[in-house]
């Protein structure tokens, strides 16, 4: 079941990030879009670095409390790191549990030699560190960052090597990539 979930999430990422290498500008744009949408039941707060890049984002559930009062319940926290060129290096996810933020996992992003690679690693509470990546998506890019193929790898056991799960050629890419990204990064 975990394998199906991780592969499904990474597949969703594949569909959502076609023709788009995620940058600090992408993260900022998506944040502006989701935080402007009051109808989704969530409230967002971001922390920026000196260059105007989002380095942390908190997500709160907006729960009605009484006739006109609202109660903001902490839900998720994301920490972002960027490469020197402004592309996203990692996004670490925290969940609010037991009255404190607990690390859940992270995505690491690498752009090299016409390939955009995203790896997912789970947080290991016993080791207080991330496990080896349990899943990886590799996007083969053209010079204009258009995706030509997507390959998914999955680790079946903690110390086993990543194994090929599937690969596909991309023939059609969505016209409005920002719409897909806004739903992926929420």
N, C-alpha and C. Protein backbone atom coordinates (compact mmCIF):
# COMPACT_ATOMS: atom_id res chain seq x y z
N UNK A 1 0.82 -1.19 0.00
CA UNK A 1 0.00 0.00 0.00
C UNK A 1 0.87 1.26 0.00
N UNK A 2 1.96 1.25 0.81
CA UNK A 2 2.84 2.41 0.84
C UNK A 2 3.45 2.65 -0.52
N UNK A 3 3.84 1.57 -1.21
CA UNK A 3 4.44 1.71 -2.54
C UNK A 3 3.46 2.37 -3.49
N UNK A 4 2.22 1.93 -3.46
CA UNK A 4 1.20 2.52 -4.33
C UNK A 4 1.01 3.99 -4.03
N UNK A 5 0.97 4.35 -2.74
CA UNK A 5 0.79 5.74 -2.35
C UNK A 5 1.96 6.60 -2.83
N UNK A 6 3.18 6.16 -2.57
CA UNK A 6 4.36 6.94 -2.96
C UNK A 6 4.42 7.06 -4.48
N UNK A 7 4.20 5.98 -5.20
CA UNK A 7 4.23 6.04 -6.67
C UNK A 7 3.12 6.94 -7.20
N UNK A 8 1.95 6.87 -6.58
CA UNK A 8 0.85 7.73 -7.02
C UNK A 8 1.18 9.20 -6.81
N UNK A 9 1.75 9.52 -5.64
CA UNK A 9 2.12 10.91 -5.36
C UNK A 9 3.18 11.40 -6.33
N UNK A 10 4.15 10.56 -6.60
CA UNK A 10 5.21 10.98 -7.50
C UNK A 10 4.70 11.06 -8.94
N UNK A 11 3.76 10.21 -9.30
CA UNK A 11 3.14 10.30 -10.62
C UNK A 11 2.39 11.61 -10.76
N UNK A 12 1.67 11.98 -9.71
CA UNK A 12 0.97 13.27 -9.71
C UNK A 12 1.97 14.40 -9.91
N UNK A 13 3.12 14.29 -9.26
CA UNK A 13 4.16 15.30 -9.43
C UNK A 13 4.62 15.32 -10.88
N UNK A 14 4.71 14.15 -11.48
CA UNK A 14 5.15 14.08 -12.87
C UNK A 14 4.18 14.81 -13.78
N UNK A 15 2.90 14.58 -13.58
CA UNK A 15 1.91 15.25 -14.41
C UNK A 15 1.90 16.75 -14.14
N UNK A 16 2.12 17.12 -12.90
CA UNK A 16 2.01 18.52 -12.52
C UNK A 16 3.22 19.35 -12.88
N UNK A 17 4.36 18.74 -12.99
CA UNK A 17 5.55 19.56 -13.18
C UNK A 17 6.12 19.47 -14.59
N UNK A 18 5.35 18.96 -15.53
CA UNK A 18 5.81 18.94 -16.91
C UNK A 18 6.12 20.36 -17.36
N UNK A 19 7.21 20.50 -18.09
CA UNK A 19 7.64 21.76 -18.67
C UNK A 19 7.89 22.83 -17.61
N UNK A 20 8.22 22.43 -16.41
CA UNK A 20 8.44 23.42 -15.37
C UNK A 20 9.47 22.90 -14.38
N UNK A 21 10.59 23.57 -14.34
CA UNK A 21 11.56 23.33 -13.28
C UNK A 21 11.14 24.27 -12.16
N UNK A 22 10.92 23.75 -10.97
CA UNK A 22 10.38 24.56 -9.88
C UNK A 22 11.47 25.49 -9.34
N UNK A 23 11.13 26.77 -9.30
CA UNK A 23 12.05 27.80 -8.83
C UNK A 23 11.44 28.54 -7.64
N UNK A 24 12.22 29.46 -7.07
CA UNK A 24 11.68 30.28 -5.98
C UNK A 24 10.50 31.11 -6.47
N UNK A 25 10.55 31.56 -7.72
CA UNK A 25 9.44 32.33 -8.28
C UNK A 25 8.18 31.46 -8.38
N UNK A 26 8.34 30.19 -8.74
CA UNK A 26 7.20 29.27 -8.81
C UNK A 26 6.58 29.09 -7.42
N UNK A 27 7.42 28.86 -6.42
CA UNK A 27 6.92 28.67 -5.05
C UNK A 27 6.19 29.93 -4.58
N UNK A 28 6.76 31.11 -4.84
CA UNK A 28 6.11 32.36 -4.44
C UNK A 28 4.78 32.55 -5.14
N UNK A 29 4.73 32.26 -6.44
CA UNK A 29 3.49 32.44 -7.21
C UNK A 29 2.38 31.51 -6.69
N UNK A 30 2.73 30.26 -6.46
CA UNK A 30 1.73 29.31 -5.97
C UNK A 30 1.24 29.73 -4.59
N UNK A 31 2.15 30.19 -3.72
CA UNK A 31 1.76 30.66 -2.39
C UNK A 31 0.76 31.82 -2.51
N UNK A 32 1.05 32.77 -3.38
CA UNK A 32 0.15 33.91 -3.56
C UNK A 32 -1.23 33.46 -4.01
N UNK A 33 -1.28 32.48 -4.91
CA UNK A 33 -2.57 31.98 -5.41
C UNK A 33 -3.36 31.26 -4.33
N UNK A 34 -2.72 30.36 -3.59
CA UNK A 34 -3.47 29.58 -2.60
C UNK A 34 -3.84 30.44 -1.39
N UNK A 35 -2.97 31.37 -1.01
CA UNK A 35 -3.29 32.19 0.16
C UNK A 35 -4.39 33.21 -0.14
N UNK A 36 -4.61 33.51 -1.41
CA UNK A 36 -5.68 34.44 -1.79
C UNK A 36 -7.05 33.75 -1.83
N UNK A 37 -7.07 32.42 -1.81
CA UNK A 37 -8.31 31.66 -1.90
C UNK A 37 -8.84 31.36 -0.50
N UNK A 38 -9.74 32.20 -0.01
CA UNK A 38 -10.29 32.04 1.34
C UNK A 38 -11.32 30.92 1.41
N UNK A 39 -11.78 30.42 0.27
CA UNK A 39 -12.84 29.41 0.26
C UNK A 39 -12.34 28.00 0.56
N UNK A 40 -11.04 27.79 0.61
CA UNK A 40 -10.54 26.42 0.77
C UNK A 40 -10.45 25.97 2.23
N UNK A 41 -10.76 26.83 3.20
CA UNK A 41 -10.77 26.44 4.60
C UNK A 41 -9.41 26.46 5.26
N UNK A 42 -8.41 27.03 4.59
CA UNK A 42 -7.07 27.08 5.15
C UNK A 42 -6.56 28.52 5.13
N UNK A 43 -5.65 28.80 6.06
CA UNK A 43 -4.98 30.09 6.12
C UNK A 43 -3.49 29.80 6.03
N UNK A 44 -2.77 30.63 5.28
CA UNK A 44 -1.35 30.40 5.02
C UNK A 44 -0.52 31.56 5.55
N UNK A 45 0.68 31.25 5.99
CA UNK A 45 1.61 32.26 6.44
C UNK A 45 2.99 31.86 5.91
N UNK A 46 3.73 32.84 5.37
CA UNK A 46 5.04 32.53 4.80
C UNK A 46 6.12 33.39 5.44
N UNK A 47 7.31 32.83 5.48
CA UNK A 47 8.51 33.54 5.92
C UNK A 47 9.43 33.65 4.70
N UNK A 48 9.96 34.86 4.49
CA UNK A 48 10.80 35.13 3.31
C UNK A 48 12.24 35.38 3.72
N UNK A 49 13.18 35.08 2.81
CA UNK A 49 14.57 35.45 3.05
C UNK A 49 14.81 36.86 2.53
N UNK A 50 16.04 37.34 2.60
CA UNK A 50 16.37 38.70 2.17
C UNK A 50 16.16 38.94 0.68
N UNK A 51 16.10 37.86 -0.11
CA UNK A 51 15.89 37.98 -1.56
C UNK A 51 14.42 37.87 -1.95
N UNK A 52 13.53 37.75 -0.97
CA UNK A 52 12.10 37.65 -1.26
C UNK A 52 11.63 36.25 -1.59
N UNK A 53 12.46 35.24 -1.31
CA UNK A 53 12.09 33.84 -1.57
C UNK A 53 11.46 33.25 -0.31
N UNK A 54 10.41 32.48 -0.50
CA UNK A 54 9.76 31.81 0.63
C UNK A 54 10.69 30.71 1.15
N UNK A 55 11.00 30.76 2.45
CA UNK A 55 11.84 29.74 3.05
C UNK A 55 11.06 28.87 4.03
N UNK A 56 9.87 29.33 4.43
CA UNK A 56 9.01 28.54 5.32
C UNK A 56 7.56 28.94 5.07
N UNK A 57 6.69 27.97 5.19
CA UNK A 57 5.26 28.23 5.01
C UNK A 57 4.50 27.41 6.04
N UNK A 58 3.58 28.05 6.74
CA UNK A 58 2.70 27.36 7.68
C UNK A 58 1.29 27.33 7.10
N UNK A 59 0.62 26.20 7.31
CA UNK A 59 -0.75 26.03 6.84
C UNK A 59 -1.62 25.75 8.07
N UNK A 60 -2.69 26.52 8.22
CA UNK A 60 -3.62 26.37 9.35
C UNK A 60 -5.01 26.05 8.81
N UNK A 61 -5.71 25.13 9.50
CA UNK A 61 -7.11 24.90 9.21
C UNK A 61 -7.90 26.01 9.85
N UNK A 62 -8.82 26.58 9.13
CA UNK A 62 -9.66 27.67 9.60
C UNK A 62 -10.98 27.06 10.08
N UNK A 63 -11.12 26.89 11.41
CA UNK A 63 -12.27 26.20 11.98
C UNK A 63 -13.18 27.22 12.66
N UNK A 64 -14.48 27.27 12.26
CA UNK A 64 -15.40 28.18 12.93
C UNK A 64 -15.51 27.85 14.42
N UNK A 65 -15.57 28.90 15.24
CA UNK A 65 -15.66 28.73 16.69
C UNK A 65 -16.61 29.80 17.21
N UNK A 66 -17.85 29.45 17.41
CA UNK A 66 -18.84 30.44 17.81
C UNK A 66 -19.46 31.09 16.59
N UNK A 67 -20.18 32.20 16.81
CA UNK A 67 -20.91 32.85 15.71
C UNK A 67 -19.99 33.55 14.72
N UNK A 68 -18.99 34.26 15.21
CA UNK A 68 -18.15 35.01 14.27
C UNK A 68 -16.65 34.79 14.51
N UNK A 69 -16.30 33.99 15.49
CA UNK A 69 -14.89 33.74 15.77
C UNK A 69 -14.37 32.57 14.93
N UNK A 70 -13.10 32.61 14.67
CA UNK A 70 -12.44 31.52 13.95
C UNK A 70 -11.29 31.02 14.79
N UNK A 71 -11.02 29.74 14.66
CA UNK A 71 -9.92 29.12 15.38
C UNK A 71 -8.95 28.56 14.35
N UNK A 72 -7.72 29.02 14.36
CA UNK A 72 -6.71 28.53 13.42
C UNK A 72 -5.97 27.36 14.04
N UNK A 73 -6.08 26.19 13.43
CA UNK A 73 -5.44 24.97 13.91
C UNK A 73 -4.21 24.70 13.06
N UNK A 74 -3.00 24.67 13.66
CA UNK A 74 -1.80 24.35 12.88
C UNK A 74 -1.96 22.99 12.21
N UNK A 75 -1.57 22.89 10.95
CA UNK A 75 -1.73 21.64 10.21
C UNK A 75 -0.42 21.18 9.59
N UNK A 76 0.16 22.02 8.73
CA UNK A 76 1.38 21.66 8.02
C UNK A 76 2.38 22.81 8.05
N UNK A 77 3.63 22.46 7.96
CA UNK A 77 4.71 23.44 7.82
C UNK A 77 5.67 22.90 6.75
N UNK A 78 6.10 23.80 5.88
CA UNK A 78 7.06 23.44 4.85
C UNK A 78 8.28 24.33 4.99
N UNK A 79 9.47 23.75 4.85
CA UNK A 79 10.71 24.51 4.78
C UNK A 79 11.27 24.32 3.38
N UNK A 80 11.68 25.43 2.75
CA UNK A 80 12.20 25.41 1.39
C UNK A 80 13.67 25.80 1.38
N UNK A 81 14.45 25.15 0.54
CA UNK A 81 15.85 25.52 0.31
C UNK A 81 16.04 25.60 -1.20
N UNK A 82 16.91 26.51 -1.63
CA UNK A 82 17.11 26.75 -3.05
C UNK A 82 18.58 26.61 -3.43
N UNK A 83 18.82 26.22 -4.68
CA UNK A 83 20.16 26.23 -5.24
C UNK A 83 20.52 27.68 -5.56
N UNK A 84 21.79 27.94 -5.82
CA UNK A 84 22.27 29.30 -6.11
C UNK A 84 21.56 29.92 -7.31
N UNK A 85 21.12 29.10 -8.27
CA UNK A 85 20.45 29.63 -9.46
C UNK A 85 18.95 29.89 -9.25
N UNK A 86 18.44 29.66 -8.02
CA UNK A 86 17.04 29.93 -7.72
C UNK A 86 16.12 28.74 -7.89
N UNK A 87 16.64 27.60 -8.38
CA UNK A 87 15.79 26.42 -8.49
C UNK A 87 15.62 25.80 -7.11
N UNK A 88 14.48 25.16 -6.91
CA UNK A 88 14.18 24.54 -5.62
C UNK A 88 15.14 23.38 -5.37
N UNK A 89 15.78 23.37 -4.20
CA UNK A 89 16.70 22.29 -3.82
C UNK A 89 15.97 21.24 -2.97
N UNK A 90 15.11 21.71 -2.03
CA UNK A 90 14.37 20.76 -1.21
C UNK A 90 13.14 21.42 -0.59
N UNK A 91 12.17 20.57 -0.28
CA UNK A 91 10.98 20.99 0.46
C UNK A 91 10.75 19.96 1.55
N UNK A 92 10.90 20.39 2.80
CA UNK A 92 10.72 19.49 3.94
C UNK A 92 9.34 19.73 4.53
N UNK A 93 8.63 18.64 4.82
CA UNK A 93 7.26 18.72 5.31
C UNK A 93 7.20 18.33 6.79
N UNK A 94 6.48 19.15 7.56
CA UNK A 94 6.22 18.90 8.97
C UNK A 94 4.72 18.84 9.18
N UNK A 95 4.29 18.01 10.13
CA UNK A 95 2.88 17.94 10.51
C UNK A 95 2.75 18.30 11.98
N UNK A 96 1.64 18.94 12.34
CA UNK A 96 1.36 19.31 13.72
C UNK A 96 0.77 18.09 14.41
N UNK A 97 1.51 17.54 15.38
CA UNK A 97 1.05 16.36 16.13
C UNK A 97 1.44 16.54 17.59
N UNK A 98 0.51 16.27 18.47
CA UNK A 98 0.80 16.32 19.90
C UNK A 98 1.29 17.68 20.37
N UNK A 99 0.81 18.74 19.75
CA UNK A 99 1.17 20.08 20.17
C UNK A 99 2.53 20.56 19.71
N UNK A 100 3.13 19.86 18.72
CA UNK A 100 4.42 20.33 18.20
C UNK A 100 4.58 19.88 16.74
N UNK A 101 5.50 20.55 16.06
CA UNK A 101 5.79 20.21 14.67
C UNK A 101 6.69 18.98 14.63
N UNK A 102 6.27 17.99 13.83
CA UNK A 102 7.06 16.78 13.67
C UNK A 102 7.40 16.60 12.20
N UNK A 103 8.66 16.36 11.93
CA UNK A 103 9.11 16.17 10.55
C UNK A 103 8.48 14.91 9.98
N UNK A 104 8.11 14.97 8.72
CA UNK A 104 7.43 13.86 8.07
C UNK A 104 8.26 13.31 6.91
N UNK A 105 8.78 14.20 6.07
CA UNK A 105 9.56 13.76 4.91
C UNK A 105 10.03 14.95 4.11
N UNK A 106 10.79 14.67 3.06
CA UNK A 106 11.25 15.77 2.22
C UNK A 106 11.42 15.33 0.78
N UNK A 107 11.33 16.31 -0.09
CA UNK A 107 11.59 16.14 -1.51
C UNK A 107 12.88 16.88 -1.82
N UNK A 108 13.81 16.22 -2.49
CA UNK A 108 15.05 16.84 -2.94
C UNK A 108 15.00 16.96 -4.46
N UNK A 109 15.36 18.13 -4.97
CA UNK A 109 15.28 18.43 -6.40
C UNK A 109 16.69 18.68 -6.94
N UNK A 110 17.02 18.05 -8.08
CA UNK A 110 18.32 18.23 -8.71
C UNK A 110 18.13 18.40 -10.21
N UNK A 111 18.79 19.40 -10.77
CA UNK A 111 18.76 19.63 -12.21
C UNK A 111 20.19 19.48 -12.72
N UNK A 112 20.41 18.48 -13.59
CA UNK A 112 21.76 18.23 -14.08
C UNK A 112 21.71 17.48 -15.40
N UNK A 113 22.50 17.94 -16.35
CA UNK A 113 22.66 17.24 -17.64
C UNK A 113 21.33 16.89 -18.31
N UNK A 114 20.40 17.85 -18.36
CA UNK A 114 19.13 17.62 -19.04
C UNK A 114 18.17 16.71 -18.29
N UNK A 115 18.42 16.51 -17.02
CA UNK A 115 17.53 15.69 -16.20
C UNK A 115 17.15 16.46 -14.94
N UNK A 116 15.87 16.39 -14.62
CA UNK A 116 15.34 17.01 -13.40
C UNK A 116 14.91 15.84 -12.52
N UNK A 117 15.56 15.68 -11.37
CA UNK A 117 15.31 14.54 -10.51
C UNK A 117 14.69 15.00 -9.20
N UNK A 118 13.65 14.28 -8.78
CA UNK A 118 12.98 14.55 -7.51
C UNK A 118 13.02 13.26 -6.71
N UNK A 119 13.57 13.34 -5.48
CA UNK A 119 13.63 12.17 -4.61
C UNK A 119 12.82 12.44 -3.35
N UNK A 120 12.10 11.41 -2.90
CA UNK A 120 11.32 11.52 -1.66
C UNK A 120 11.96 10.66 -0.58
N UNK A 121 12.22 11.28 0.59
CA UNK A 121 12.79 10.57 1.74
C UNK A 121 11.88 10.77 2.94
N UNK A 122 11.67 9.71 3.69
CA UNK A 122 10.88 9.80 4.92
C UNK A 122 11.78 10.13 6.10
N UNK A 123 11.22 10.81 7.10
CA UNK A 123 11.94 11.13 8.33
C UNK A 123 11.93 9.90 9.22
N UNK A 124 13.08 9.56 9.78
CA UNK A 124 13.20 8.44 10.70
C UNK A 124 13.38 9.01 12.10
N UNK A 125 12.34 8.91 12.93
CA UNK A 125 12.38 9.49 14.28
C UNK A 125 13.44 8.82 15.15
N UNK A 126 13.64 7.53 14.99
CA UNK A 126 14.62 6.82 15.82
C UNK A 126 16.04 7.31 15.54
N UNK A 127 16.35 7.56 14.28
CA UNK A 127 17.69 8.02 13.90
C UNK A 127 17.81 9.55 13.92
N UNK A 128 16.67 10.24 14.01
CA UNK A 128 16.62 11.71 13.88
C UNK A 128 17.31 12.17 12.61
N UNK A 129 16.99 11.47 11.53
CA UNK A 129 17.55 11.78 10.23
C UNK A 129 16.63 11.19 9.15
N UNK A 130 16.87 11.56 7.92
CA UNK A 130 16.07 11.03 6.82
C UNK A 130 16.61 9.68 6.40
N UNK A 131 15.70 8.77 6.07
CA UNK A 131 16.09 7.49 5.49
C UNK A 131 16.57 7.73 4.06
N UNK A 132 17.15 6.70 3.46
CA UNK A 132 17.49 6.79 2.04
C UNK A 132 16.21 7.08 1.26
N UNK A 133 16.31 7.76 0.12
CA UNK A 133 15.09 8.04 -0.65
C UNK A 133 14.34 6.74 -0.98
N UNK A 134 13.03 6.76 -0.79
CA UNK A 134 12.22 5.58 -1.09
C UNK A 134 11.60 5.66 -2.48
N UNK A 135 11.67 6.84 -3.10
CA UNK A 135 11.15 7.00 -4.44
C UNK A 135 11.89 8.09 -5.17
N UNK A 136 11.92 7.96 -6.50
CA UNK A 136 12.60 8.96 -7.32
C UNK A 136 11.89 9.08 -8.65
N UNK A 137 11.72 10.31 -9.09
CA UNK A 137 11.19 10.60 -10.43
C UNK A 137 12.28 11.34 -11.18
N UNK A 138 12.53 10.92 -12.41
CA UNK A 138 13.51 11.60 -13.24
C UNK A 138 12.80 12.05 -14.52
N UNK A 139 12.91 13.36 -14.79
CA UNK A 139 12.31 13.97 -15.97
C UNK A 139 13.43 14.27 -16.95
N UNK A 140 13.35 13.76 -18.17
CA UNK A 140 14.32 14.09 -19.20
C UNK A 140 13.81 15.32 -19.92
N UNK A 141 14.67 16.37 -19.99
CA UNK A 141 14.25 17.67 -20.50
C UNK A 141 14.92 18.02 -21.82
N UNK A 142 14.21 18.78 -22.62
CA UNK A 142 14.79 19.42 -23.79
C UNK A 142 15.42 20.73 -23.33
N UNK A 143 16.07 21.45 -24.22
CA UNK A 143 16.74 22.71 -23.87
C UNK A 143 15.78 23.76 -23.31
N UNK A 144 14.49 23.72 -23.71
CA UNK A 144 13.50 24.69 -23.23
C UNK A 144 12.78 24.20 -21.97
N UNK A 145 13.31 23.20 -21.31
CA UNK A 145 12.75 22.58 -20.10
C UNK A 145 11.48 21.78 -20.37
N UNK A 146 11.16 21.52 -21.61
CA UNK A 146 10.02 20.68 -21.93
C UNK A 146 10.38 19.23 -21.63
N UNK A 147 9.47 18.53 -20.96
CA UNK A 147 9.71 17.14 -20.55
C UNK A 147 9.47 16.21 -21.74
N UNK A 148 10.42 15.29 -21.97
CA UNK A 148 10.26 14.31 -23.05
C UNK A 148 9.96 12.92 -22.52
N UNK A 149 10.40 12.64 -21.27
CA UNK A 149 10.08 11.35 -20.66
C UNK A 149 10.14 11.48 -19.15
N UNK A 150 9.45 10.56 -18.49
CA UNK A 150 9.42 10.50 -17.03
C UNK A 150 9.71 9.06 -16.63
N UNK A 151 10.61 8.89 -15.66
CA UNK A 151 10.96 7.57 -15.17
C UNK A 151 10.78 7.57 -13.65
N UNK A 152 10.16 6.52 -13.14
CA UNK A 152 9.90 6.39 -11.70
C UNK A 152 10.66 5.19 -11.14
N UNK A 153 11.34 5.43 -10.02
CA UNK A 153 12.06 4.39 -9.31
C UNK A 153 11.50 4.29 -7.90
N UNK A 154 11.56 3.09 -7.35
CA UNK A 154 11.04 2.87 -6.01
C UNK A 154 11.96 1.91 -5.26
N UNK A 155 12.18 2.16 -3.99
CA UNK A 155 13.00 1.29 -3.14
C UNK A 155 12.03 0.37 -2.38
N UNK A 156 12.15 -0.94 -2.58
CA UNK A 156 11.22 -1.89 -1.97
C UNK A 156 11.53 -2.16 -0.49
N UNK A 157 12.79 -2.08 -0.10
CA UNK A 157 13.20 -2.29 1.28
C UNK A 157 14.19 -1.19 1.65
N UNK A 158 14.33 -0.90 2.94
CA UNK A 158 15.13 0.24 3.39
C UNK A 158 16.51 0.34 2.76
N UNK A 159 17.24 -0.77 2.65
CA UNK A 159 18.61 -0.71 2.16
C UNK A 159 18.79 -1.28 0.76
N UNK A 160 17.69 -1.64 0.11
CA UNK A 160 17.81 -2.17 -1.25
C UNK A 160 18.02 -1.01 -2.23
N UNK A 161 18.53 -1.30 -3.41
CA UNK A 161 18.71 -0.22 -4.40
C UNK A 161 17.37 0.23 -4.97
N UNK A 162 17.35 1.45 -5.50
CA UNK A 162 16.15 1.91 -6.21
C UNK A 162 15.97 1.05 -7.45
N UNK A 163 14.71 0.66 -7.70
CA UNK A 163 14.41 -0.18 -8.86
C UNK A 163 13.43 0.55 -9.76
N UNK A 164 13.56 0.32 -11.04
CA UNK A 164 12.67 0.93 -12.03
C UNK A 164 11.25 0.44 -11.80
N UNK A 165 10.30 1.38 -11.62
CA UNK A 165 8.89 1.04 -11.48
C UNK A 165 8.19 1.20 -12.82
N UNK A 166 8.46 2.31 -13.51
CA UNK A 166 7.89 2.54 -14.83
C UNK A 166 8.58 3.71 -15.50
N UNK A 167 8.39 3.81 -16.81
CA UNK A 167 8.89 4.94 -17.58
C UNK A 167 7.88 5.24 -18.67
N UNK A 168 7.78 6.49 -19.05
CA UNK A 168 6.83 6.86 -20.10
C UNK A 168 7.38 8.04 -20.90
N UNK A 169 6.98 8.10 -22.14
CA UNK A 169 7.31 9.22 -23.00
C UNK A 169 6.18 10.24 -22.88
N UNK A 170 6.54 11.50 -22.84
CA UNK A 170 5.54 12.56 -22.73
C UNK A 170 5.31 13.13 -24.13
N UNK A 171 4.05 13.01 -24.58
CA UNK A 171 3.72 13.50 -25.92
C UNK A 171 2.93 14.80 -25.89
N UNK A 172 2.16 15.00 -24.82
CA UNK A 172 1.33 16.21 -24.71
C UNK A 172 1.52 16.79 -23.33
N UNK A 173 1.70 18.09 -23.27
CA UNK A 173 1.86 18.75 -21.99
C UNK A 173 0.73 19.75 -21.80
N UNK A 174 0.26 19.92 -20.57
CA UNK A 174 -0.85 20.83 -20.32
C UNK A 174 -0.47 22.26 -20.68
N UNK A 175 -1.45 22.99 -21.22
CA UNK A 175 -1.21 24.38 -21.62
C UNK A 175 -1.05 25.28 -20.40
N UNK A 176 -1.80 25.00 -19.34
CA UNK A 176 -1.76 25.85 -18.16
C UNK A 176 -1.06 25.13 -17.01
N UNK A 177 0.27 25.08 -17.06
CA UNK A 177 1.04 24.36 -16.06
C UNK A 177 0.88 24.97 -14.68
N UNK A 178 0.68 26.29 -14.60
CA UNK A 178 0.55 26.93 -13.29
C UNK A 178 -0.65 26.40 -12.52
N UNK A 179 -1.74 26.05 -13.21
CA UNK A 179 -2.91 25.48 -12.55
C UNK A 179 -2.53 24.17 -11.86
N UNK A 180 -1.80 23.30 -12.56
CA UNK A 180 -1.40 22.02 -11.98
C UNK A 180 -0.41 22.19 -10.84
N UNK A 181 0.52 23.11 -11.00
CA UNK A 181 1.50 23.36 -9.94
C UNK A 181 0.84 23.90 -8.69
N UNK A 182 -0.16 24.78 -8.85
CA UNK A 182 -0.81 25.34 -7.67
C UNK A 182 -1.49 24.24 -6.86
N UNK A 183 -2.01 23.22 -7.51
CA UNK A 183 -2.64 22.11 -6.79
C UNK A 183 -1.60 21.15 -6.21
N UNK A 184 -0.46 21.03 -6.86
CA UNK A 184 0.59 20.14 -6.37
C UNK A 184 1.25 20.71 -5.12
N UNK A 185 1.51 21.99 -5.09
CA UNK A 185 2.28 22.59 -4.01
C UNK A 185 1.43 23.05 -2.84
N UNK A 186 0.14 22.82 -2.86
CA UNK A 186 -0.72 23.22 -1.74
C UNK A 186 -0.45 22.42 -0.52
